[in-house]
Amino acid sequence: MKARTIILGLFFALFLTGAKPAAAQQGQYIVQTKNGLASVLNLCLSAGCEVQQTLDGTLGHTYLVTSSNPNFLTNLLGGILQPLEDLLGITSVEVNQLLPLPVAPVASAASGLYEMTPVYYYDSIVWEGYVNQPATQIISLQTAQQAFNVTGTGIVADIDTGVDPTHPALMPVLLPGYDFTRNQAGASEWLDIPGYPDGINETNTSDEAPAVVQQRTVAVLDQRTVAVLDGGPYSDFGHGTMTAGVIHLVAPEAKILPLKAFSADGTGYLSNILAALYYAVQNNANAVNMSFDFTTPSPALTQAVNYANQQGVVLVASAGNDGTNAAVYPAAMEPQVMGIASTSDADTISTWSNYGTPDVWVGAPGENVVTTYPGGTYASASGTSFSCPFVTGTANLLLSARGPVDQAQGASAVAHAQPLTPNLNNGRLDVYTAVQAWVEASR
């Protein structure tokens, strides 16, 4: 033990060579360990960092730390990481990246935004243009729901900007969720809008009309609300409510667990995404929707994804809107994740969608999708962010059809898709053939 202590002392003397005064700006890092909190505390005690929180619940393998030493990560990657693993069980250290949501194409108003006739949709009243939009017909949604008597069950987690917790269409199925940007219960998007923590009531206003919001979304709003949301800090306000609305459209009786890891400006820290994914698994989610992508692989994300797979949770991610086949994460982590491209109402791959290997498992409609929007209203938007929840909802319908489904089984069923182009690999989502394949697999 004495020899080991001497080795540790020499190691940390080397580590601290590049240290700067403690007044330097704090950097955030994600540390993974095989030996629990004690090993990370030992690292920070000698290397000048502070443990902020665990990111994986009770597992005790992934932690967020801060350090004022600008050479903290450089020193570790400069040949010192292997001694760290040997002596303390530290397996990886990475920067806590600030990540953006995918930039969506400029939206145009879908015809469904003018079809405001109220209709019953399971336990709520919604707009006709939401239920009967072209996307539902293209993927044979109602046909599958009726033929196999599948309407969703269990829990779908949605890692995004949060949700409007009082939206009439979503209220019957929403769970409280969690806000990782504030580290508190609840996941309301409205908390990001100063002065409107309880939301804006959009019902029965005289000047409601489809309007472009932040050049990304066309929503049915009154002019007062358009003015409130005008500005960069709110460029992705509503994103989470919109993705939740697509999940609800496909699997209307599944519970939705909103997990707020992104702010209204469209950015979120990797640490919050990791914490949200572990939270989803440990709070009984059957599937997780991840309508985001980033270009740098992450050891901590890889471990979190593997953990979710081992627990039988189906993971679905957007493939990105850059019009390339460059790898983005987590979509490129196939077979552990299904990556989803966007298709048009003309049943072609969207010109701006990412495509091909390694990002795409299938495509799904992602142009002018009509979905729920904060304030009890509806919006249309385009992007693989909105293709993704069509597949996540379908994974939940598989659960509804014949019980537990894991990643491999879900991906195999979804792969029974309509061929369009090799760039979509398995094709464009067909909910009927996916559920049929899963049901017949049990016979």
Protein backbone atom coordinates (compact mmCIF):
# COMPACT_ATOMS: atom_id res chain seq x y z
CA MET A 1 0.00 0.00 0.00
CA LYS A 2 2.86 2.40 0.78
CA ALA A 3 4.44 1.82 -2.64
CA ARG A 4 1.05 2.47 -4.27
CA THR A 5 0.74 5.77 -2.37
CA ILE A 6 4.16 6.88 -3.58
CA ILE A 7 3.23 6.08 -7.19
CA LEU A 8 0.02 8.10 -6.85
CA GLY A 9 1.98 11.03 -5.43
CA LEU A 10 4.40 11.01 -8.37
CA PHE A 11 1.51 10.72 -10.81
CA PHE A 12 -0.35 13.71 -9.39
CA ALA A 13 2.84 15.75 -9.20
CA LEU A 14 3.10 15.26 -12.97
CA PHE A 15 -0.58 16.06 -13.40
CA LEU A 16 -0.41 19.34 -11.52
CA THR A 17 2.59 20.66 -13.46
CA GLY A 18 0.36 22.61 -15.83
CA ALA A 19 -2.03 23.91 -13.17
CA LYS A 20 -3.20 27.55 -13.26
CA PRO A 21 -4.49 29.71 -10.41
CA ALA A 22 -7.88 28.67 -9.04
CA ALA A 23 -9.44 31.94 -10.27
CA ALA A 24 -9.46 30.62 -13.86
CA GLN A 25 -12.83 29.92 -15.48
CA GLN A 26 -14.41 26.64 -14.43
CA GLY A 27 -14.46 23.90 -17.06
CA GLN A 28 -16.95 21.05 -16.94
CA TYR A 29 -15.95 17.44 -17.56
CA ILE A 30 -17.65 14.06 -17.55
CA VAL A 31 -15.70 11.37 -15.73
CA GLN A 32 -16.39 7.65 -15.91
CA THR A 33 -15.05 5.21 -13.36
CA LYS A 34 -15.21 1.52 -12.50
CA ASN A 35 -14.69 2.18 -8.78
CA GLY A 36 -17.47 4.55 -7.77
CA LEU A 37 -17.51 7.98 -6.17
CA ALA A 38 -14.45 7.40 -3.99
CA SER A 39 -12.18 7.10 -7.04
CA VAL A 40 -13.47 10.38 -8.50
CA LEU A 41 -13.09 12.14 -5.16
CA ASN A 42 -9.50 10.91 -4.98
CA LEU A 43 -8.87 12.25 -8.47
CA CYS A 44 -10.32 15.64 -7.61
CA LEU A 45 -8.57 15.84 -4.25
CA SER A 46 -5.17 15.63 -5.88
CA ALA A 47 -5.86 17.03 -9.35
CA GLY A 48 -7.80 20.15 -8.46
CA CYS A 49 -11.38 19.43 -9.48
CA GLU A 50 -14.75 19.26 -7.74
CA VAL A 51 -17.44 16.60 -8.07
CA GLN A 52 -20.75 18.26 -8.91
CA GLN A 53 -23.17 15.37 -9.31
CA THR A 54 -23.70 11.80 -10.42
CA LEU A 55 -25.26 11.44 -13.86
CA ASP A 56 -26.36 7.80 -13.79
CA GLY A 57 -28.55 7.60 -10.71
CA THR A 58 -27.49 4.91 -8.28
CA LEU A 59 -25.07 3.18 -10.66
CA GLY A 60 -22.16 5.37 -9.55
CA HIS A 61 -20.09 5.17 -12.75
CA THR A 62 -20.57 8.59 -14.40
CA TYR A 63 -19.96 11.98 -12.76
CA LEU A 64 -19.89 15.66 -13.67
CA VAL A 65 -16.83 17.49 -12.32
CA THR A 66 -15.51 21.02 -12.66
CA SER A 67 -11.94 22.30 -12.71
CA SER A 68 -10.32 25.73 -13.03
CA ASN A 69 -7.18 24.14 -14.49
CA PRO A 70 -7.30 24.81 -18.26
CA ASN A 71 -4.89 21.89 -18.80
CA PHE A 72 -7.09 19.42 -16.91
CA LEU A 73 -8.13 17.40 -19.96
CA THR A 74 -4.93 17.99 -21.95
CA ASN A 75 -2.85 16.42 -19.20
CA LEU A 76 -5.11 13.39 -18.98
CA LEU A 77 -5.03 12.77 -22.71
CA GLY A 78 -1.27 13.28 -22.81
CA GLY A 79 -0.50 9.75 -21.74
CA ILE A 80 -1.77 9.86 -18.17
CA LEU A 81 -5.19 8.25 -18.68
CA GLN A 82 -3.89 4.67 -18.54
CA PRO A 83 -2.33 5.15 -15.07
CA LEU A 84 -5.64 6.69 -14.01
CA GLU A 85 -7.47 3.53 -15.01
CA ASP A 86 -4.89 1.27 -13.42
CA LEU A 87 -4.73 3.15 -10.12
CA LEU A 88 -8.18 4.69 -9.67
CA GLY A 89 -10.45 2.91 -12.12
CA ILE A 90 -11.07 6.08 -14.18
CA THR A 91 -11.96 4.89 -17.70
CA SER A 92 -12.71 8.14 -19.54
CA VAL A 93 -12.75 11.91 -19.14
CA GLU A 94 -14.36 14.21 -21.69
CA VAL A 95 -15.50 17.81 -22.02
CA ASN A 96 -19.12 18.44 -21.12
CA GLN A 97 -20.09 19.70 -24.56
CA LEU A 98 -22.79 22.32 -25.12
CA LEU A 99 -24.79 20.77 -27.95
CA PRO A 100 -27.28 22.29 -30.41
CA LEU A 101 -30.57 20.86 -31.58
CA PRO A 102 -30.63 20.20 -35.35
CA VAL A 103 -31.22 23.29 -37.44
CA ALA A 104 -34.52 22.77 -39.22
CA PRO A 105 -35.33 23.94 -42.75
CA VAL A 106 -37.44 27.09 -43.05
CA ALA A 107 -41.01 25.99 -42.44
CA SER A 108 -44.09 26.68 -44.53
CA ALA A 109 -47.65 26.37 -43.32
CA ALA A 110 -49.10 22.90 -43.82
CA SER A 111 -52.69 22.72 -45.02
CA GLY A 112 -53.58 20.89 -41.81
CA LEU A 113 -53.09 24.11 -39.83
CA TYR A 114 -56.26 25.43 -41.46
CA GLU A 115 -58.26 22.30 -40.59
CA MET A 116 -59.19 23.29 -37.04
CA THR A 117 -62.39 21.26 -36.67
CA PRO A 118 -62.35 19.61 -33.22
CA VAL A 119 -62.39 15.81 -33.31
CA TYR A 120 -62.10 13.17 -30.61
CA TYR A 121 -58.82 11.31 -30.53
CA TYR A 122 -58.89 8.72 -27.78
CA ASP A 123 -58.91 10.64 -24.47
CA SER A 124 -58.71 14.17 -25.84
CA ILE A 125 -60.11 16.60 -28.41
CA VAL A 126 -57.68 17.63 -31.14
CA TRP A 127 -57.69 19.34 -34.52
CA GLU A 128 -58.71 17.35 -37.58
CA GLY A 129 -55.61 18.54 -39.43
CA TYR A 130 -53.42 16.86 -36.80
CA VAL A 131 -55.09 13.45 -36.96
CA ASN A 132 -55.64 13.26 -40.70
CA GLN A 133 -52.45 14.82 -42.03
CA PRO A 134 -50.72 13.20 -45.04
CA ALA A 135 -47.98 11.61 -42.91
CA THR A 136 -50.44 9.34 -41.11
CA GLN A 137 -51.75 8.02 -44.40
CA ILE A 138 -48.30 7.54 -45.89
CA ILE A 139 -47.14 5.33 -43.01
CA SER A 140 -50.51 3.47 -42.74
CA LEU A 141 -50.94 4.57 -39.14
CA GLN A 142 -54.71 4.28 -38.71
CA THR A 143 -54.75 1.04 -40.68
CA ALA A 144 -52.25 -0.48 -38.25
CA GLN A 145 -53.99 0.90 -35.15
CA GLN A 146 -57.33 -0.58 -36.23
CA ALA A 147 -56.11 -3.87 -37.74
CA PHE A 148 -54.02 -4.87 -34.73
CA ASN A 149 -55.96 -2.95 -32.05
CA VAL A 150 -52.80 -1.11 -30.97
CA THR A 151 -52.98 2.33 -29.40
CA GLY A 152 -49.87 2.37 -27.22
CA THR A 153 -49.03 1.35 -23.70
CA GLY A 154 -46.26 1.81 -21.14
CA ILE A 155 -43.98 4.87 -21.18
CA VAL A 156 -42.17 6.76 -23.93
CA ALA A 157 -39.49 9.19 -22.73
CA ASP A 158 -38.79 12.31 -24.80
CA ILE A 159 -35.41 14.02 -24.25
CA ASP A 160 -35.93 17.53 -25.58
CA THR A 161 -36.76 21.12 -24.57
CA GLY A 162 -39.60 20.01 -22.29
CA VAL A 163 -43.33 20.23 -22.97
CA ASP A 164 -46.40 22.40 -22.47
CA PRO A 165 -47.84 20.52 -19.47
CA THR A 166 -51.31 22.02 -19.96
CA HIS A 167 -51.76 21.27 -23.66
CA PRO A 168 -55.26 19.71 -23.93
CA ALA A 169 -54.17 17.03 -26.39
CA LEU A 170 -51.26 15.88 -24.24
CA MET A 171 -52.49 16.35 -20.67
CA PRO A 172 -54.20 12.93 -20.41
CA VAL A 173 -50.93 11.09 -21.14
CA LEU A 174 -48.22 13.35 -19.70
CA LEU A 175 -46.15 12.25 -16.72
CA PRO A 176 -44.55 15.00 -14.58
CA GLY A 177 -41.09 14.52 -16.04
CA TYR A 178 -37.89 16.25 -14.95
CA ASP A 179 -36.01 19.43 -15.83
CA PHE A 180 -32.28 18.69 -15.98
CA THR A 181 -31.47 22.27 -16.97
CA ARG A 182 -32.69 23.38 -13.54
CA ASN A 183 -32.35 20.10 -11.64
CA GLN A 184 -35.97 20.08 -10.52
CA ALA A 185 -39.17 18.11 -11.02
CA GLY A 186 -41.39 19.04 -13.95
CA ALA A 187 -40.46 19.77 -17.56
CA SER A 188 -42.37 22.88 -18.61
CA GLU A 189 -41.04 24.75 -21.62
CA TRP A 190 -42.71 27.92 -20.34
CA LEU A 191 -40.11 28.36 -17.60
CA ASP A 192 -37.68 29.50 -20.32
CA ILE A 193 -39.90 32.48 -21.21
CA PRO A 194 -39.50 35.29 -18.64
CA GLY A 195 -42.83 36.50 -17.40
CA TYR A 196 -44.75 33.46 -18.66
CA PRO A 197 -43.93 30.59 -16.28
CA ASP A 198 -47.54 29.35 -16.47
CA GLY A 199 -47.86 29.73 -20.22
CA ILE A 200 -49.99 31.82 -22.55
CA ASN A 201 -53.62 30.94 -23.06
CA GLU A 202 -54.13 30.70 -26.80
CA THR A 203 -57.77 29.62 -26.77
CA ASN A 204 -60.55 31.76 -28.20
CA THR A 205 -58.40 34.64 -29.39
CA SER A 206 -59.71 36.66 -32.31
CA ASP A 207 -56.53 37.04 -34.33
CA GLU A 208 -55.16 33.48 -34.37
CA ALA A 209 -53.54 32.57 -37.66
CA PRO A 210 -50.57 30.52 -38.91
CA ALA A 211 -47.41 32.58 -38.42
CA VAL A 212 -43.71 31.90 -38.83
CA VAL A 213 -42.03 31.61 -35.44
CA GLN A 214 -38.23 32.05 -35.30
CA GLN A 215 -37.96 31.04 -38.98
CA ARG A 216 -38.20 27.39 -37.95
CA THR A 217 -41.83 26.70 -37.14
CA VAL A 218 -45.22 27.81 -38.43
CA ALA A 219 -47.65 27.87 -35.51
CA VAL A 220 -51.22 29.04 -35.10
CA LEU A 221 -50.69 31.96 -32.71
CA ASP A 222 -52.09 35.36 -31.97
CA GLN A 223 -49.91 38.37 -32.69
CA ARG A 224 -49.18 38.98 -29.00
CA THR A 225 -47.57 35.55 -28.67
CA VAL A 226 -45.60 35.95 -31.89
CA ALA A 227 -44.13 39.13 -30.42
CA VAL A 228 -43.23 37.39 -27.14
CA LEU A 229 -41.33 34.63 -28.96
CA ASP A 230 -39.57 36.90 -31.44
CA GLY A 231 -35.85 36.61 -30.75
CA GLY A 232 -32.83 34.31 -30.68
CA PRO A 233 -33.18 33.05 -27.09
CA TYR A 234 -36.35 31.22 -28.12
CA SER A 235 -35.24 29.72 -31.43
CA ASP A 236 -36.31 26.21 -30.37
CA PHE A 237 -39.15 27.01 -28.02
CA GLY A 238 -41.87 24.42 -28.62
CA HIS A 239 -39.53 21.76 -30.01
CA GLY A 240 -40.29 19.33 -27.17
CA THR A 241 -44.05 19.88 -27.30
CA MET A 242 -43.92 19.21 -31.05
CA THR A 243 -41.98 15.95 -30.76
CA ALA A 244 -44.25 14.83 -27.92
CA GLY A 245 -47.24 15.55 -30.15
CA VAL A 246 -45.96 13.21 -32.86
CA ILE A 247 -45.38 10.43 -30.31
CA HIS A 248 -48.95 10.92 -29.08
CA LEU A 249 -50.31 10.87 -32.62
CA VAL A 250 -48.77 7.45 -33.26
CA ALA A 251 -49.27 5.87 -29.82
CA PRO A 252 -52.16 7.86 -28.29
CA GLU A 253 -52.52 5.80 -25.12
CA ALA A 254 -48.83 5.58 -24.24
CA LYS A 255 -47.69 7.72 -21.33
CA ILE A 256 -45.12 10.37 -22.27
CA LEU A 257 -42.25 11.18 -19.90
CA PRO A 258 -40.89 14.64 -20.85
CA LEU A 259 -37.23 15.11 -19.93
CA LYS A 260 -35.94 18.65 -20.38
CA ALA A 261 -32.25 18.57 -21.35
CA PHE A 262 -32.31 21.51 -23.80
CA SER A 263 -33.22 25.17 -23.32
CA ALA A 264 -35.47 27.26 -25.56
CA ASP A 265 -32.40 28.57 -27.41
CA GLY A 266 -31.81 25.05 -28.73
CA THR A 267 -28.72 24.17 -26.70
CA GLY A 268 -28.16 21.55 -24.05
CA TYR A 269 -25.22 20.04 -22.20
CA LEU A 270 -24.13 16.47 -22.82
CA SER A 271 -24.31 15.91 -19.05
CA ASN A 272 -28.03 16.69 -19.06
CA ILE A 273 -28.64 14.34 -21.98
CA LEU A 274 -26.80 11.55 -20.13
CA ALA A 275 -28.70 12.20 -16.91
CA ALA A 276 -31.98 12.20 -18.84
CA LEU A 277 -31.23 8.90 -20.56
CA TYR A 278 -30.34 7.17 -17.29
CA TYR A 279 -33.43 8.71 -15.68
CA ALA A 280 -35.64 7.38 -18.48
CA VAL A 281 -34.35 3.83 -18.08
CA GLN A 282 -34.55 3.90 -14.28
CA ASN A 283 -38.12 5.27 -14.42
CA ASN A 284 -39.48 2.44 -16.54
CA ALA A 285 -39.46 3.96 -20.03
CA ASN A 286 -39.95 1.38 -22.77
CA ALA A 287 -38.63 3.62 -25.55
CA VAL A 288 -36.69 6.90 -25.70
CA ASN A 289 -37.06 9.58 -28.37
CA MET A 290 -33.85 11.55 -29.04
CA SER A 291 -34.58 14.25 -31.63
CA PHE A 292 -31.06 15.67 -31.60
CA ASP A 293 -27.64 14.92 -33.06
CA PHE A 294 -24.03 15.99 -32.67
CA THR A 295 -20.84 15.21 -34.54
CA THR A 296 -18.44 14.08 -31.81
CA PRO A 297 -18.60 10.56 -30.35
CA SER A 298 -18.81 10.33 -26.56
CA PRO A 299 -17.56 7.46 -24.37
CA ALA A 300 -20.10 8.39 -21.69
CA LEU A 301 -22.96 8.38 -24.20
CA THR A 302 -21.82 5.00 -25.50
CA GLN A 303 -21.99 3.57 -21.99
CA ALA A 304 -25.42 5.11 -21.35
CA VAL A 305 -26.78 3.71 -24.63
CA ASN A 306 -25.40 0.26 -23.86
CA TYR A 307 -27.00 0.39 -20.41
CA ALA A 308 -30.38 1.29 -21.93
CA ASN A 309 -30.11 -1.57 -24.42
CA GLN A 310 -29.24 -4.01 -21.66
CA GLN A 311 -32.38 -2.96 -19.80
CA GLY A 312 -34.54 -3.65 -22.87
CA VAL A 313 -35.22 -0.01 -23.80
CA VAL A 314 -35.64 0.92 -27.49
CA LEU A 315 -33.67 4.01 -28.56
CA VAL A 316 -34.49 6.17 -31.59
CA ALA A 317 -32.60 9.28 -32.78
CA SER A 318 -32.83 11.83 -35.58
CA ALA A 319 -30.28 11.49 -38.37
CA GLY A 320 -29.72 15.24 -38.86
CA ASN A 321 -30.60 17.88 -41.44
CA ASP A 322 -27.24 18.55 -43.12
CA GLY A 323 -27.79 16.63 -46.37
CA THR A 324 -24.72 14.41 -45.85
CA ASN A 325 -23.83 10.86 -44.88
CA ALA A 326 -21.32 12.02 -42.24
CA ALA A 327 -21.69 10.27 -38.90
CA VAL A 328 -23.78 12.00 -36.24
CA TYR A 329 -24.52 10.74 -32.76
CA PRO A 330 -26.42 9.01 -31.31
CA ALA A 331 -27.98 8.03 -34.68
CA ALA A 332 -24.70 6.49 -35.93
CA MET A 333 -24.57 4.10 -32.95
CA GLU A 334 -26.38 1.35 -34.85
CA PRO A 335 -27.41 -1.32 -33.87
CA GLN A 336 -27.81 0.19 -30.38
CA VAL A 337 -29.86 3.12 -31.79
CA MET A 338 -32.20 3.48 -34.77
CA GLY A 339 -31.32 6.62 -36.77
CA ILE A 340 -34.18 8.21 -38.70
CA ALA A 341 -34.02 10.23 -41.92
CA SER A 342 -36.77 12.48 -43.30
CA THR A 343 -39.06 11.83 -46.26
CA SER A 344 -41.51 14.10 -48.04
CA ASP A 345 -45.24 13.81 -48.62
CA ALA A 346 -44.30 12.80 -52.17
CA ASP A 347 -42.51 9.79 -50.63
CA THR A 348 -38.98 10.84 -51.54
CA ILE A 349 -36.04 11.44 -49.24
CA SER A 350 -35.94 15.09 -48.14
CA THR A 351 -33.25 17.03 -49.97
CA TRP A 352 -31.79 18.34 -46.70
CA SER A 353 -31.95 15.07 -44.74
CA ASN A 354 -28.85 13.13 -43.80
CA TYR A 355 -28.77 9.75 -45.48
CA GLY A 356 -27.09 6.38 -45.75
CA THR A 357 -24.71 4.52 -43.47
CA PRO A 358 -24.03 4.94 -40.60
CA ASP A 359 -26.85 7.28 -39.57
CA VAL A 360 -30.04 5.91 -41.12
CA TRP A 361 -32.04 2.81 -40.24
CA VAL A 362 -35.24 3.98 -41.95
CA GLY A 363 -36.88 7.20 -43.07
CA ALA A 364 -40.19 8.68 -41.93
CA PRO A 365 -42.24 11.74 -42.90
CA GLY A 366 -40.50 14.92 -41.80
CA GLU A 367 -41.82 17.76 -43.97
CA ASN A 368 -44.59 20.09 -42.78
CA VAL A 369 -45.58 17.72 -39.99
CA VAL A 370 -48.61 19.01 -38.06
CA THR A 371 -48.25 18.60 -34.33
CA THR A 372 -48.97 20.14 -30.93
CA TYR A 373 -47.43 23.46 -29.90
CA PRO A 374 -47.30 25.34 -26.56
CA GLY A 375 -50.34 27.38 -25.70
CA GLY A 376 -52.86 24.67 -26.51
CA THR A 377 -52.39 25.21 -30.23
CA TYR A 378 -50.76 23.46 -33.22
CA ALA A 379 -47.81 24.00 -35.53
CA SER A 380 -46.14 22.58 -38.60
CA ALA A 381 -42.43 21.99 -38.79
CA SER A 382 -39.88 20.10 -40.86
CA GLY A 383 -36.77 18.17 -39.91
CA THR A 384 -35.57 14.74 -38.88
CA SER A 385 -36.52 15.84 -35.35
CA PHE A 386 -40.12 15.16 -36.37
CA SER A 387 -39.42 12.03 -38.40
CA CYS A 388 -37.83 10.45 -35.33
CA PRO A 389 -40.93 10.33 -33.07
CA PHE A 390 -42.96 8.59 -35.77
CA VAL A 391 -40.61 5.63 -35.30
CA THR A 392 -40.43 5.97 -31.51
CA GLY A 393 -44.21 5.85 -31.37
CA THR A 394 -44.20 2.80 -33.63
CA ALA A 395 -41.80 1.04 -31.25
CA ASN A 396 -44.39 1.61 -28.54
CA LEU A 397 -47.14 0.13 -30.74
CA LEU A 398 -45.01 -3.02 -30.99
CA LEU A 399 -45.08 -3.18 -27.19
CA SER A 400 -48.84 -2.72 -27.32
CA ALA A 401 -49.19 -5.53 -29.87
CA ARG A 402 -47.47 -8.36 -28.01
CA GLY A 403 -45.51 -7.33 -24.97
CA PRO A 404 -41.86 -6.46 -24.28
CA VAL A 405 -39.67 -5.51 -27.25
CA ASP A 406 -35.94 -4.81 -27.07
CA GLN A 407 -33.69 -2.83 -29.39
CA ALA A 408 -32.88 -5.68 -31.75
CA GLN A 409 -36.50 -6.82 -31.98
CA GLY A 410 -37.79 -3.29 -32.48
CA ALA A 411 -35.25 -2.51 -35.17
CA SER A 412 -35.99 -5.79 -36.96
CA ALA A 413 -39.73 -5.05 -37.03
CA VAL A 414 -39.27 -1.43 -38.17
CA ALA A 415 -36.95 -2.67 -40.94
CA HIS A 416 -40.05 -4.12 -42.63
CA ALA A 417 -40.40 -0.81 -44.43
CA GLN A 418 -41.32 0.44 -47.90
CA PRO A 419 -38.28 0.55 -50.22
CA LEU A 420 -37.68 4.00 -51.69
CA THR A 421 -33.94 4.53 -52.19
CA PRO A 422 -30.78 2.78 -50.97
CA ASN A 423 -29.94 5.99 -49.06
CA LEU A 424 -32.70 5.06 -46.61
CA ASN A 425 -31.22 1.59 -46.10
CA ASN A 426 -34.31 -0.36 -44.98
CA GLY A 427 -36.77 2.08 -46.53
CA ARG A 428 -39.55 4.39 -45.36
CA LEU A 429 -41.48 3.53 -42.19
CA ASP A 430 -44.66 1.49 -42.67
CA VAL A 431 -46.39 1.09 -39.32
CA TYR A 432 -48.68 -1.67 -40.56
CA THR A 433 -45.90 -3.91 -41.90
CA ALA A 434 -43.74 -3.24 -38.82
CA VAL A 435 -46.49 -4.31 -36.40
CA GLN A 436 -47.46 -7.22 -38.64
CA ALA A 437 -43.87 -8.49 -38.69
CA TRP A 438 -43.66 -8.29 -34.90
CA VAL A 439 -46.99 -10.08 -34.39
CA GLU A 440 -46.12 -12.84 -36.86
CA ALA A 441 -42.71 -13.32 -35.25
CA SER A 442 -44.48 -14.79 -32.21
CA ARG A 443 -46.36 -17.45 -34.16
